[in-house]
C-alpha cells in the first residue's frame, strides 16, 4: 500500500527560508574561495604588494560581513511548521 504523498510544492515562505539558510551556509565557502585569490596573483611571477593584498583581504571580509548581515535580516529566528527541526507542541503527561 502506498503512503499518501504530501503537497508537491512547498509554501513560499518556508521555501524562501530554506534558500536563505542555504545561502548563509554557502558564505564561508565563498569567503574561502575569495581569500585564495591572492595566491593566484603569485602564479604569474609578478609579485603583488602586501598592501594591495591586505586591502583585498579586508575588502572581502567587509563584503562577507555585509552579505551575512543582509541574509540574517531575512531569516526567521524560529523554524517554520514545514521545517524538520521544528519542536513539537505535544506534551508527555
N, C-alpha and C. Protein backbone atom coordinates (compact mmCIF):
# COMPACT_ATOMS: atom_id res chain seq x y z
N UNK A 1 0.84 -1.17 0.00
CA UNK A 1 0.00 0.00 0.00
C UNK A 1 0.89 1.24 0.00
N UNK A 2 0.55 2.22 -0.79
CA UNK A 2 1.36 3.42 -0.91
C UNK A 2 1.00 4.41 0.17
N UNK A 3 2.04 5.09 0.64
CA UNK A 3 1.82 6.16 1.62
C UNK A 3 1.22 7.36 0.92
N UNK A 4 0.35 8.09 1.60
CA UNK A 4 -0.19 9.30 0.99
C UNK A 4 0.94 10.33 0.83
N UNK A 5 0.97 10.97 -0.30
CA UNK A 5 2.00 11.94 -0.58
C UNK A 5 1.63 13.30 -0.01
N UNK A 6 2.64 14.04 0.34
CA UNK A 6 2.45 15.41 0.79
C UNK A 6 2.27 16.32 -0.41
N UNK A 7 2.13 17.58 -0.17
CA UNK A 7 1.98 18.51 -1.29
C UNK A 7 3.25 18.53 -2.15
N UNK A 8 3.06 18.71 -3.43
CA UNK A 8 4.19 18.72 -4.35
C UNK A 8 5.01 19.99 -4.17
N UNK A 9 4.33 21.09 -3.99
CA UNK A 9 5.01 22.38 -3.87
C UNK A 9 5.09 22.79 -2.41
N UNK A 10 6.19 23.42 -2.06
CA UNK A 10 6.37 23.93 -0.71
C UNK A 10 5.72 25.30 -0.59
N UNK A 11 5.42 25.67 0.64
CA UNK A 11 4.91 27.00 0.86
C UNK A 11 6.00 28.01 0.50
N UNK A 12 5.58 29.16 0.02
CA UNK A 12 6.54 30.16 -0.43
C UNK A 12 7.46 30.62 0.70
N UNK A 13 6.90 30.82 1.88
CA UNK A 13 7.71 31.32 2.99
C UNK A 13 8.76 30.30 3.41
N UNK A 14 8.36 29.05 3.58
CA UNK A 14 9.33 28.04 4.00
C UNK A 14 10.38 27.79 2.92
N UNK A 15 9.97 27.90 1.66
CA UNK A 15 10.92 27.73 0.56
C UNK A 15 11.97 28.83 0.60
N UNK A 16 11.53 30.07 0.81
CA UNK A 16 12.49 31.18 0.87
C UNK A 16 13.40 31.06 2.08
N UNK A 17 12.85 30.62 3.20
CA UNK A 17 13.68 30.43 4.40
C UNK A 17 14.76 29.38 4.16
N UNK A 18 14.40 28.31 3.50
CA UNK A 18 15.39 27.27 3.20
C UNK A 18 16.46 27.79 2.26
N UNK A 19 16.08 28.57 1.26
CA UNK A 19 17.08 29.10 0.33
C UNK A 19 17.98 30.12 1.02
N UNK A 20 17.42 30.92 1.95
CA UNK A 20 18.26 31.86 2.69
C UNK A 20 19.23 31.11 3.60
N UNK A 21 18.78 30.03 4.20
CA UNK A 21 19.68 29.22 5.02
C UNK A 21 20.77 28.58 4.16
N UNK A 22 20.41 28.14 2.98
CA UNK A 22 21.41 27.58 2.07
C UNK A 22 22.45 28.63 1.68
N UNK A 23 21.98 29.85 1.42
CA UNK A 23 22.91 30.93 1.07
C UNK A 23 23.82 31.26 2.25
N UNK A 24 23.27 31.25 3.46
CA UNK A 24 24.09 31.52 4.65
C UNK A 24 25.13 30.42 4.86
N UNK A 25 24.78 29.19 4.54
CA UNK A 25 25.74 28.09 4.66
C UNK A 25 26.83 28.17 3.59
N UNK A 26 26.51 28.79 2.47
CA UNK A 26 27.46 28.88 1.37
C UNK A 26 28.47 30.02 1.57
N UNK A 27 28.16 31.01 2.41
CA UNK A 27 29.05 32.16 2.60
C UNK A 27 30.47 31.78 3.05
N UNK A 28 30.66 30.87 4.00
CA UNK A 28 32.05 30.52 4.34
C UNK A 28 32.82 29.90 3.19
N UNK A 29 32.15 29.14 2.37
CA UNK A 29 32.82 28.54 1.21
C UNK A 29 33.20 29.62 0.21
N UNK A 30 32.29 30.57 -0.01
CA UNK A 30 32.58 31.70 -0.89
C UNK A 30 33.76 32.51 -0.36
N UNK A 31 33.75 32.75 0.95
CA UNK A 31 34.84 33.51 1.56
C UNK A 31 36.18 32.81 1.42
N UNK A 32 36.21 31.51 1.63
CA UNK A 32 37.47 30.77 1.49
C UNK A 32 37.97 30.84 0.05
N UNK A 33 37.05 30.73 -0.89
CA UNK A 33 37.46 30.83 -2.30
C UNK A 33 37.99 32.21 -2.65
N UNK A 34 37.32 33.25 -2.15
CA UNK A 34 37.77 34.61 -2.44
C UNK A 34 39.09 34.94 -1.75
N UNK A 35 39.31 34.39 -0.56
CA UNK A 35 40.57 34.65 0.13
C UNK A 35 41.74 33.90 -0.50
N UNK A 36 41.47 32.92 -1.34
CA UNK A 36 42.55 32.21 -2.02
C UNK A 36 42.98 32.92 -3.31
N UNK A 37 42.23 33.89 -3.75
CA UNK A 37 42.56 34.59 -5.00
C UNK A 37 43.94 35.25 -4.95
N UNK A 38 44.35 35.87 -3.84
CA UNK A 38 45.71 36.44 -3.84
C UNK A 38 46.81 35.42 -4.08
N UNK A 39 46.55 34.15 -3.80
CA UNK A 39 47.54 33.13 -4.11
C UNK A 39 47.72 32.98 -5.61
N UNK A 40 46.68 33.28 -6.37
CA UNK A 40 46.78 33.19 -7.83
C UNK A 40 47.60 34.34 -8.41
N UNK A 41 47.69 35.46 -7.68
CA UNK A 41 48.48 36.59 -8.17
C UNK A 41 49.95 36.20 -8.30
N UNK A 42 50.43 35.32 -7.45
CA UNK A 42 51.84 34.94 -7.46
C UNK A 42 52.16 33.94 -8.57
N UNK A 43 51.16 33.33 -9.20
CA UNK A 43 51.43 32.35 -10.25
C UNK A 43 52.01 32.97 -11.50
N UNK A 44 51.72 34.24 -11.74
CA UNK A 44 52.23 34.90 -12.93
C UNK A 44 53.71 35.26 -12.81
N UNK A 45 54.27 35.15 -11.65
CA UNK A 45 55.66 35.52 -11.45
C UNK A 45 55.79 36.98 -11.08
N UNK A 46 54.71 37.72 -11.16
CA UNK A 46 54.71 39.13 -10.79
C UNK A 46 54.25 39.21 -9.34
N UNK A 47 55.06 39.80 -8.51
CA UNK A 47 54.70 39.88 -7.09
C UNK A 47 53.77 41.07 -6.86
N UNK A 48 52.82 40.87 -5.99
CA UNK A 48 51.90 41.93 -5.61
C UNK A 48 52.39 42.55 -4.32
N UNK A 49 52.06 43.81 -4.15
CA UNK A 49 52.47 44.45 -2.90
C UNK A 49 51.60 43.94 -1.76
N UNK A 50 52.20 43.90 -0.60
CA UNK A 50 51.49 43.41 0.58
C UNK A 50 50.29 44.29 0.89
N UNK A 51 50.43 45.58 0.67
CA UNK A 51 49.33 46.49 1.00
C UNK A 51 48.12 46.24 0.09
N UNK A 52 48.34 45.94 -1.18
CA UNK A 52 47.20 45.68 -2.07
C UNK A 52 46.52 44.36 -1.72
N UNK A 53 47.31 43.36 -1.32
CA UNK A 53 46.73 42.09 -0.91
C UNK A 53 45.94 42.25 0.38
N UNK A 54 46.47 43.02 1.31
CA UNK A 54 45.75 43.25 2.58
C UNK A 54 44.47 44.04 2.34
N UNK A 55 44.48 45.00 1.43
CA UNK A 55 43.26 45.73 1.10
C UNK A 55 42.22 44.79 0.47
N UNK A 56 42.69 43.88 -0.36
CA UNK A 56 41.78 42.90 -0.96
C UNK A 56 41.17 42.00 0.10
N UNK A 57 42.00 41.48 1.00
CA UNK A 57 41.51 40.58 2.05
C UNK A 57 40.52 41.34 2.95
N UNK A 58 40.83 42.57 3.32
CA UNK A 58 39.92 43.36 4.15
C UNK A 58 38.62 43.66 3.40
N UNK A 59 38.71 43.93 2.11
CA UNK A 59 37.51 44.18 1.30
C UNK A 59 36.61 42.95 1.23
N UNK A 60 37.21 41.78 1.08
CA UNK A 60 36.44 40.53 1.07
C UNK A 60 35.77 40.33 2.42
N UNK A 61 36.50 40.63 3.50
CA UNK A 61 35.94 40.48 4.84
C UNK A 61 34.74 41.40 5.03
N UNK A 62 34.84 42.65 4.58
CA UNK A 62 33.72 43.59 4.69
C UNK A 62 32.54 43.11 3.83
N UNK A 63 32.82 42.62 2.65
CA UNK A 63 31.77 42.10 1.77
C UNK A 63 31.04 40.92 2.42
N UNK A 64 31.78 39.99 2.99
CA UNK A 64 31.16 38.84 3.64
C UNK A 64 30.35 39.26 4.87
N UNK A 65 30.85 40.22 5.63
CA UNK A 65 30.10 40.70 6.79
C UNK A 65 28.81 41.38 6.35
N UNK A 66 28.86 42.15 5.28
CA UNK A 66 27.65 42.80 4.77
C UNK A 66 26.64 41.80 4.23
N UNK A 67 27.11 40.82 3.49
CA UNK A 67 26.21 39.79 2.97
C UNK A 67 25.56 38.98 4.09
N UNK A 68 26.34 38.66 5.11
CA UNK A 68 25.76 37.89 6.21
C UNK A 68 24.76 38.73 7.00
N UNK A 69 24.99 40.03 7.10
CA UNK A 69 24.02 40.90 7.78
C UNK A 69 22.73 40.97 6.98
N UNK A 70 22.83 41.08 5.67
CA UNK A 70 21.63 41.12 4.83
C UNK A 70 20.86 39.80 4.90
N UNK A 71 21.58 38.69 4.88
CA UNK A 71 20.91 37.39 4.97
C UNK A 71 20.25 37.19 6.32
N UNK A 72 20.89 37.68 7.38
CA UNK A 72 20.32 37.47 8.71
C UNK A 72 19.04 38.27 8.91
N UNK A 73 18.88 39.36 8.18
CA UNK A 73 17.64 40.13 8.27
C UNK A 73 16.45 39.34 7.75
N UNK A 74 16.67 38.51 6.75
CA UNK A 74 15.58 37.76 6.15
C UNK A 74 15.28 36.44 6.82
N UNK A 75 16.17 35.97 7.69
CA UNK A 75 15.97 34.68 8.35
C UNK A 75 15.07 34.82 9.57
N UNK A 76 14.20 33.84 9.75
CA UNK A 76 13.37 33.78 10.94
C UNK A 76 14.16 33.13 12.06
N UNK A 77 14.02 33.63 13.29
CA UNK A 77 14.76 33.02 14.39
C UNK A 77 14.21 31.65 14.78
N UNK A 78 12.93 31.40 14.53
CA UNK A 78 12.34 30.12 14.87
C UNK A 78 11.96 29.39 13.60
N UNK A 79 12.15 28.07 13.57
CA UNK A 79 11.80 27.31 12.36
C UNK A 79 10.30 27.32 12.12
N UNK A 80 9.93 27.25 10.87
CA UNK A 80 8.53 27.24 10.48
C UNK A 80 7.91 25.87 10.66
N UNK A 81 6.61 25.75 10.41
CA UNK A 81 5.94 24.46 10.60
C UNK A 81 6.38 23.40 9.62
N UNK A 82 6.89 23.78 8.46
CA UNK A 82 7.30 22.81 7.46
C UNK A 82 8.72 22.31 7.64
N UNK A 83 9.46 22.89 8.59
CA UNK A 83 10.85 22.50 8.78
C UNK A 83 10.95 21.26 9.63
N UNK A 84 11.96 20.45 9.33
CA UNK A 84 12.13 19.21 10.08
C UNK A 84 12.66 19.44 11.49
N UNK A 85 13.22 20.61 11.75
CA UNK A 85 13.78 20.88 13.07
C UNK A 85 12.79 21.59 13.98
N UNK A 86 11.53 21.67 13.59
CA UNK A 86 10.52 22.35 14.39
C UNK A 86 10.21 21.54 15.65
N UNK A 87 10.21 22.22 16.81
CA UNK A 87 9.88 21.50 18.04
C UNK A 87 8.41 21.11 18.07
N UNK A 88 8.11 19.98 18.69
CA UNK A 88 6.73 19.53 18.75
C UNK A 88 6.03 20.17 19.94
N UNK A 89 4.73 20.41 19.79
CA UNK A 89 3.94 21.02 20.85
C UNK A 89 3.28 19.99 21.74
N UNK A 90 3.52 18.71 21.50
CA UNK A 90 2.88 17.67 22.28
C UNK A 90 3.60 17.51 23.62
N UNK A 91 2.81 17.32 24.67
CA UNK A 91 3.37 17.11 25.99
C UNK A 91 3.15 15.67 26.40
N UNK A 92 4.14 15.13 27.07
CA UNK A 92 4.01 13.77 27.60
C UNK A 92 3.51 13.89 29.03
N UNK A 93 2.27 13.51 29.28
CA UNK A 93 1.70 13.61 30.64
C UNK A 93 1.83 12.30 31.34
